[in-house]
Amino acid sequence: MSATPKKSLMLFAGRSHPELAEEVAKHLDVPITPQAAYDFANGEIFVRFEESVRGCDAFVIQSHAAPINQWVMEQLIMVDALKRASAKRITVIMPFYPYARQDKKHRGREPISARLIADLFKTAGADRIMTVDLHTAQISGFFDGPVDHLLAMSLLANHVRGKYSDAKLTVVSPDAGRTKLAEKWANTLDGCPIAFIHKTRDPLKPNEVVANRVVGEVKGRTCVVIDDMVDTGGTIAKAVEQLLDEGAADVIIAATHGVLSGPATERLANCGAKEVIFTNTLPIPDERRFPQMTVLSIAPLLAKAIHQVFDDGSVTSLFDGEA
């Protein structure tokens, strides 16, 4: 007895960011697999898929916004359910990698929580991880299997190029550690100059930073401050103020993940930036938006990457061999 195996793509979505999942499904032209998902009175999560998933190529998308631990647990439970229901391959899509900032030990007796997340998903049954703009590239080595590290730079840079084509641009890294990314941005923006902000940070005080001085030519120029994420907004707001004090004509903020905790919205709205650009890797509700904010959709990029994985193609080809 012989049979020709048939490939079947199925998309599964957690409850944290249904708008992004629906947009990805629309680009893929596949439905989101129906499921029952609810919380018990004590906070335990239950998930059951309402269609057979046997032998499918499963893609499980979840955005890890607050409450982050709930959504991580829900995605782990979804992966476990798929494994036990005999899905052929399980790809975990986490547009924003949770605990990415805990990728190394600063002092003794500290965890490396980013590695723990990778171990949890491997144990749950994930075969592959797909994510966007990791805090540090080394995190891709924490998972014992393929990791598709997608880059949002072209999406953000194309928006900046199209809207500010007449401006004299300078790409600004908010710290010395992101100068390589700034160089890639500069090349994408037709070879414009780069600058960075020299700053100090106390590792014992998260989200607190002291900006020192700007290194590079910014006077009279439109500065594009780039980063992978904006959490409380303190670092980036101080960077904008520093650039304006140094004589920058305008300042634009471009970041992939809008975490926007606590006072972030107020800080960004009042820091003097002409435009603040994010992607929708994380949900940004209406109450956290303000007139200068622009949110670009990452869904087309995720859909293209899913297509490449499903067809056994090249995800790297989406980024001209750079990913």
Protein backbone atom coordinates (compact mmCIF):
# COMPACT_ATOMS: atom_id res chain seq x y z
CA MET A 1 0.00 0.00 0.00
CA SER A 2 1.41 3.39 -0.95
CA ALA A 3 0.18 6.97 -0.70
CA THR A 4 1.38 10.29 -2.01
CA PRO A 5 1.76 12.70 0.92
CA LYS A 6 -0.21 15.93 0.60
CA LYS A 7 0.97 19.17 2.19
CA SER A 8 -1.60 21.16 4.10
CA LEU A 9 -0.97 24.63 5.56
CA MET A 10 -3.02 25.49 8.65
CA LEU A 11 -2.85 28.78 10.54
CA PHE A 12 -3.56 28.98 14.28
CA ALA A 13 -3.86 32.21 16.26
CA GLY A 14 -3.69 33.03 19.94
CA ARG A 15 -5.97 35.63 21.49
CA SER A 16 -3.46 38.45 22.06
CA HIS A 17 -3.54 40.18 18.65
CA PRO A 18 -6.40 38.85 16.47
CA GLU A 19 -6.16 41.77 14.02
CA LEU A 20 -2.62 40.81 12.95
CA ALA A 21 -3.53 37.12 12.66
CA GLU A 22 -6.55 37.93 10.49
CA GLU A 23 -4.45 40.13 8.24
CA VAL A 24 -1.82 37.38 7.83
CA ALA A 25 -4.59 34.89 7.03
CA LYS A 26 -5.97 37.26 4.39
CA HIS A 27 -2.57 37.58 2.70
CA LEU A 28 -2.11 33.80 2.78
CA ASP A 29 -5.70 33.22 1.58
CA VAL A 30 -6.24 30.60 4.29
CA PRO A 31 -8.69 30.67 7.21
CA ILE A 32 -7.63 30.77 10.84
CA THR A 33 -8.39 27.30 12.21
CA PRO A 34 -11.34 27.56 14.61
CA GLN A 35 -10.60 26.74 18.24
CA ALA A 36 -12.09 26.87 21.70
CA ALA A 37 -9.85 28.89 24.02
CA TYR A 38 -10.81 30.15 27.43
CA ASP A 39 -9.53 30.73 30.97
CA PHE A 40 -10.63 28.79 34.02
CA ALA A 41 -11.58 30.69 37.17
CA ASN A 42 -8.10 30.18 38.64
CA GLY A 43 -6.35 31.51 35.52
CA GLU A 44 -5.54 28.18 33.83
CA ILE A 45 -5.80 28.26 30.02
CA PHE A 46 -7.61 25.68 27.90
CA VAL A 47 -7.28 25.32 24.11
CA ARG A 48 -8.90 22.78 21.76
CA PHE A 49 -8.84 22.91 17.95
CA GLU A 50 -12.15 22.17 16.28
CA GLU A 51 -10.75 20.61 13.11
CA SER A 52 -8.40 17.70 12.47
CA VAL A 53 -4.75 18.81 12.29
CA ARG A 54 -3.21 15.41 11.58
CA GLY A 55 -0.29 15.66 9.15
CA CYS A 56 -0.61 19.44 8.64
CA ASP A 57 2.10 22.08 8.43
CA ALA A 58 1.00 24.16 11.43
CA PHE A 59 1.84 27.86 11.90
CA VAL A 60 0.97 29.21 15.36
CA ILE A 61 1.00 33.00 15.66
CA GLN A 62 0.92 34.87 18.95
CA SER A 63 2.00 38.43 19.82
CA HIS A 64 3.53 38.62 23.27
CA ALA A 65 2.10 41.84 24.65
CA ALA A 66 1.10 42.45 28.26
CA PRO A 67 0.17 40.29 30.15
CA ILE A 68 3.14 38.59 28.51
CA ASN A 69 3.23 35.47 30.67
CA GLN A 70 -0.38 34.62 29.86
CA TRP A 71 0.20 34.80 26.11
CA VAL A 72 3.46 32.81 26.30
CA MET A 73 1.63 30.08 28.23
CA GLU A 74 -1.27 30.07 25.79
CA GLN A 75 1.05 29.61 22.82
CA LEU A 76 2.91 26.80 24.60
CA ILE A 77 -0.42 25.05 25.25
CA MET A 78 -1.41 25.47 21.58
CA VAL A 79 1.87 23.89 20.47
CA ASP A 80 1.40 21.01 22.90
CA ALA A 81 -2.14 20.42 21.61
CA LEU A 82 -0.88 20.34 18.01
CA LYS A 83 1.92 17.91 18.86
CA ARG A 84 -0.50 15.55 20.60
CA ALA A 85 -2.92 15.82 17.64
CA SER A 86 -0.18 14.65 15.22
CA ALA A 87 0.61 17.84 13.33
CA LYS A 88 3.48 17.06 10.96
CA ARG A 89 5.50 20.25 11.58
CA ILE A 90 4.88 23.10 14.03
CA THR A 91 6.24 26.58 13.35
CA VAL A 92 5.90 29.06 16.21
CA ILE A 93 5.46 32.64 14.99
CA MET A 94 6.30 35.20 17.67
CA PRO A 95 6.63 38.62 16.00
CA PHE A 96 8.00 39.97 19.30
CA TYR A 97 10.28 37.47 21.08
CA PRO A 98 9.40 37.47 24.80
CA TYR A 99 12.12 38.04 27.41
CA ALA A 100 14.55 39.01 24.62
CA ARG A 101 16.33 41.56 26.84
CA GLN A 102 17.35 38.81 29.26
CA ASP A 103 19.78 37.24 26.79
CA LYS A 104 22.88 37.16 29.00
CA LYS A 105 24.04 37.38 32.60
CA HIS A 106 25.18 40.80 33.79
CA ARG A 107 26.01 39.49 37.28
CA GLY A 108 26.03 36.20 39.17
CA ARG A 109 22.82 34.34 40.05
CA GLU A 110 20.84 35.84 37.16
CA PRO A 111 18.75 33.88 34.63
CA ILE A 112 19.09 33.81 30.85
CA SER A 113 15.36 33.92 30.30
CA ALA A 114 15.53 34.26 26.51
CA ARG A 115 17.16 30.82 26.41
CA LEU A 116 14.49 29.47 28.76
CA ILE A 117 11.76 30.60 26.34
CA ALA A 118 13.48 28.71 23.50
CA ASP A 119 13.77 25.59 25.68
CA LEU A 120 10.10 25.78 26.65
CA PHE A 121 8.91 25.89 23.04
CA LYS A 122 11.27 23.09 22.03
CA THR A 123 9.93 20.93 24.86
CA ALA A 124 6.33 21.78 23.95
CA GLY A 125 6.93 20.44 20.44
CA ALA A 126 7.92 23.38 18.23
CA ASP A 127 10.02 22.44 15.19
CA ARG A 128 10.75 25.97 14.01
CA ILE A 129 10.57 29.57 15.26
CA MET A 130 9.78 32.66 13.21
CA THR A 131 10.32 36.08 14.77
CA VAL A 132 10.95 39.72 13.83
CA ASP A 133 13.94 41.89 14.82
CA LEU A 134 15.42 40.09 17.81
CA HIS A 135 16.93 42.30 20.50
CA THR A 136 20.25 40.58 19.78
CA ALA A 137 20.92 38.14 16.94
CA GLN A 138 22.53 35.62 19.30
CA ILE A 139 19.07 34.63 20.58
CA SER A 140 18.52 32.71 17.33
CA GLY A 141 21.18 30.28 18.56
CA PHE A 142 19.22 29.48 21.74
CA PHE A 143 16.68 27.35 19.87
CA ASP A 144 17.76 23.86 18.82
CA GLY A 145 16.23 24.05 15.33
CA PRO A 146 15.62 26.48 12.47
CA VAL A 147 14.94 30.12 13.39
CA ASP A 148 13.65 32.53 10.75
CA HIS A 149 14.81 35.98 11.88
CA LEU A 150 12.78 38.44 9.82
CA LEU A 151 13.87 42.07 9.45
CA ALA A 152 11.49 45.03 9.48
CA MET A 153 14.16 47.51 8.38
CA SER A 154 13.11 47.64 4.70
CA LEU A 155 9.47 48.25 5.68
CA LEU A 156 10.40 51.12 8.01
CA ALA A 157 13.13 52.56 5.77
CA ASN A 158 10.92 52.56 2.67
CA HIS A 159 8.34 54.58 4.57
CA VAL A 160 10.99 57.10 5.67
CA ARG A 161 12.49 57.30 2.18
CA GLY A 162 9.11 57.88 0.57
CA LYS A 163 7.93 60.52 3.03
CA TYR A 164 11.20 62.43 3.57
CA SER A 165 12.84 62.14 0.15
CA ASP A 166 13.66 65.86 0.07
CA ALA A 167 15.21 66.01 3.55
CA LYS A 168 18.89 65.73 4.48
CA LEU A 169 18.76 62.55 6.54
CA THR A 170 21.07 61.26 9.27
CA VAL A 171 20.49 57.83 10.81
CA VAL A 172 21.01 57.93 14.57
CA SER A 173 21.65 54.94 16.82
CA PRO A 174 20.39 55.53 20.38
CA ASP A 175 23.56 53.86 21.69
CA ALA A 176 26.93 52.63 20.45
CA GLY A 177 25.70 49.02 20.33
CA ARG A 178 23.37 49.62 17.37
CA THR A 179 25.81 51.35 15.04
CA LYS A 180 25.96 48.30 12.74
CA LEU A 181 22.19 48.48 12.30
CA ALA A 182 22.53 52.22 11.69
CA GLU A 183 25.03 51.49 8.90
CA LYS A 184 22.55 49.10 7.24
CA TRP A 185 19.86 51.76 7.50
CA ALA A 186 22.21 54.35 6.01
CA ASN A 187 22.94 52.10 3.03
CA THR A 188 19.22 51.54 2.51
CA LEU A 189 18.65 55.32 2.63
CA ASP A 190 21.09 55.96 -0.24
CA GLY A 191 24.25 56.29 1.84
CA CYS A 192 23.23 59.02 4.28
CA PRO A 193 25.56 59.72 7.27
CA ILE A 194 25.14 58.10 10.69
CA ALA A 195 25.50 59.29 14.28
CA PHE A 196 25.07 57.74 17.70
CA ILE A 197 24.34 58.89 21.21
CA HIS A 198 26.95 58.06 23.81
CA LYS A 199 25.12 57.15 27.00
CA THR A 200 25.47 55.32 30.27
CA ARG A 201 23.02 52.84 31.78
CA ASP A 202 22.93 51.29 35.24
CA PRO A 203 22.22 47.54 34.79
CA LEU A 204 20.68 47.48 38.27
CA LYS A 205 18.03 50.05 37.27
CA PRO A 206 16.02 48.87 34.27
CA ASN A 207 14.51 51.48 31.94
CA GLU A 208 16.70 54.28 33.36
CA VAL A 209 19.31 55.89 31.17
CA VAL A 210 21.54 58.97 31.05
CA ALA A 211 22.24 60.46 27.62
CA ASN A 212 25.65 62.07 27.39
CA ARG A 213 26.49 63.47 23.96
CA VAL A 214 25.85 63.07 20.25
CA VAL A 215 28.69 61.69 18.12
CA GLY A 216 28.22 62.65 14.47
CA GLU A 217 26.85 65.48 12.33
CA VAL A 218 23.19 66.25 13.08
CA LYS A 219 22.91 70.05 12.95
CA GLY A 220 20.29 71.19 10.45
CA ARG A 221 19.51 67.61 9.42
CA THR A 222 16.45 65.35 9.76
CA CYS A 223 17.51 62.63 12.19
CA VAL A 224 16.03 59.14 12.07
CA VAL A 225 16.45 57.50 15.49
CA ILE A 226 16.25 53.72 15.11
CA ASP A 227 15.71 50.96 17.66
CA ASP A 228 14.28 47.46 17.89
CA MET A 229 11.74 48.28 20.62
CA VAL A 230 10.35 51.15 22.66
CA ASP A 231 9.19 50.12 26.13
CA THR A 232 8.77 53.00 28.60
CA GLY A 233 10.12 55.49 26.07
CA GLY A 234 12.69 57.04 28.41
CA THR A 235 15.77 56.23 26.31
CA ILE A 236 14.30 57.33 23.01
CA ALA A 237 12.66 60.49 24.39
CA LYS A 238 15.97 61.65 25.88
CA ALA A 239 17.68 60.89 22.57
CA VAL A 240 15.20 63.11 20.72
CA GLU A 241 15.70 65.96 23.20
CA GLN A 242 19.48 65.59 22.91
CA LEU A 243 19.35 65.75 19.10
CA LEU A 244 17.11 68.81 19.10
CA ASP A 245 19.46 70.50 21.59
CA GLU A 246 22.34 69.74 19.17
CA GLY A 247 20.51 71.58 16.37
CA ALA A 248 18.69 68.82 14.47
CA ALA A 249 16.03 70.22 12.15
CA ASP A 250 13.57 67.37 12.81
CA VAL A 251 13.66 64.01 14.53
CA ILE A 252 11.85 60.84 13.43
CA ILE A 253 11.64 57.71 15.59
CA ALA A 254 11.53 54.35 13.80
CA ALA A 255 11.23 51.16 15.86
CA THR A 256 9.89 47.69 15.17
CA HIS A 257 8.15 46.83 18.45
CA GLY A 258 5.92 49.32 20.24
CA VAL A 259 5.81 47.83 23.75
CA LEU A 260 4.70 51.21 25.15
CA SER A 261 4.57 50.47 28.88
CA GLY A 262 3.56 52.99 31.52
CA PRO A 263 4.33 56.63 30.56
CA ALA A 264 5.65 55.77 27.07
CA THR A 265 2.77 57.31 25.10
CA GLU A 266 2.96 60.62 26.95
CA ARG A 267 6.76 60.74 26.64
CA LEU A 268 6.74 60.05 22.90
CA ALA A 269 3.90 62.46 22.18
CA ASN A 270 5.67 65.30 24.01
CA CYS A 271 9.36 64.66 23.26
CA GLY A 272 9.42 66.79 20.11
CA ALA A 273 9.60 64.02 17.49
CA LYS A 274 7.98 64.87 14.16
CA GLU A 275 6.86 61.27 13.57
CA VAL A 276 6.99 58.02 15.55
CA ILE A 277 6.87 54.90 13.38
CA PHE A 278 6.17 51.36 14.62
CA THR A 279 5.11 48.08 13.06
CA ASN A 280 2.12 46.13 14.39
CA THR A 281 4.14 43.19 15.76
CA LEU A 282 2.43 44.11 19.05
CA PRO A 283 -1.11 45.46 19.39
CA ILE A 284 -1.23 49.24 19.91
CA PRO A 285 -4.73 50.16 21.14
CA ASP A 286 -6.34 53.49 20.25
CA GLU A 287 -5.76 54.92 23.72
CA ARG A 288 -1.99 54.51 23.27
CA ARG A 289 -1.90 56.26 19.90
CA PHE A 290 -1.31 59.95 19.23
CA PRO A 291 -1.29 62.17 16.12
CA GLN A 292 2.44 61.78 15.33
CA MET A 293 2.29 57.96 15.45
CA THR A 294 2.33 55.81 12.30
CA VAL A 295 1.81 52.04 12.51
CA LEU A 296 2.94 49.94 9.53
CA SER A 297 1.71 46.39 8.98
CA ILE A 298 4.16 43.50 9.30
CA ALA A 299 1.51 41.04 8.03
CA PRO A 300 2.67 40.96 4.36
CA LEU A 301 6.22 40.09 5.45
CA LEU A 302 5.02 37.34 7.79
CA ALA A 303 2.79 35.91 5.07
CA LYS A 304 5.66 35.84 2.54
CA ALA A 305 7.92 34.09 5.07
CA ILE A 306 5.21 31.52 5.87
CA HIS A 307 4.82 30.85 2.14
CA GLN A 308 8.56 30.28 1.77
CA VAL A 309 8.71 27.91 4.74
CA PHE A 310 5.66 25.96 3.55
CA ASP A 311 7.04 25.67 0.00
CA ASP A 312 10.54 24.77 1.27
CA GLY A 313 11.83 27.98 -0.29
CA SER A 314 14.31 30.57 0.95
CA VAL A 315 13.34 33.04 3.66
CA THR A 316 16.73 34.75 3.22
CA SER A 317 15.76 35.65 -0.35
CA LEU A 318 13.15 38.05 1.08
CA PHE A 319 16.00 40.21 2.42
CA ASP A 320 18.46 40.06 -0.50
CA GLY A 321 20.53 37.45 1.32
CA GLU A 322 20.98 39.61 4.44
CA ALA A 323 18.78 37.69 6.91
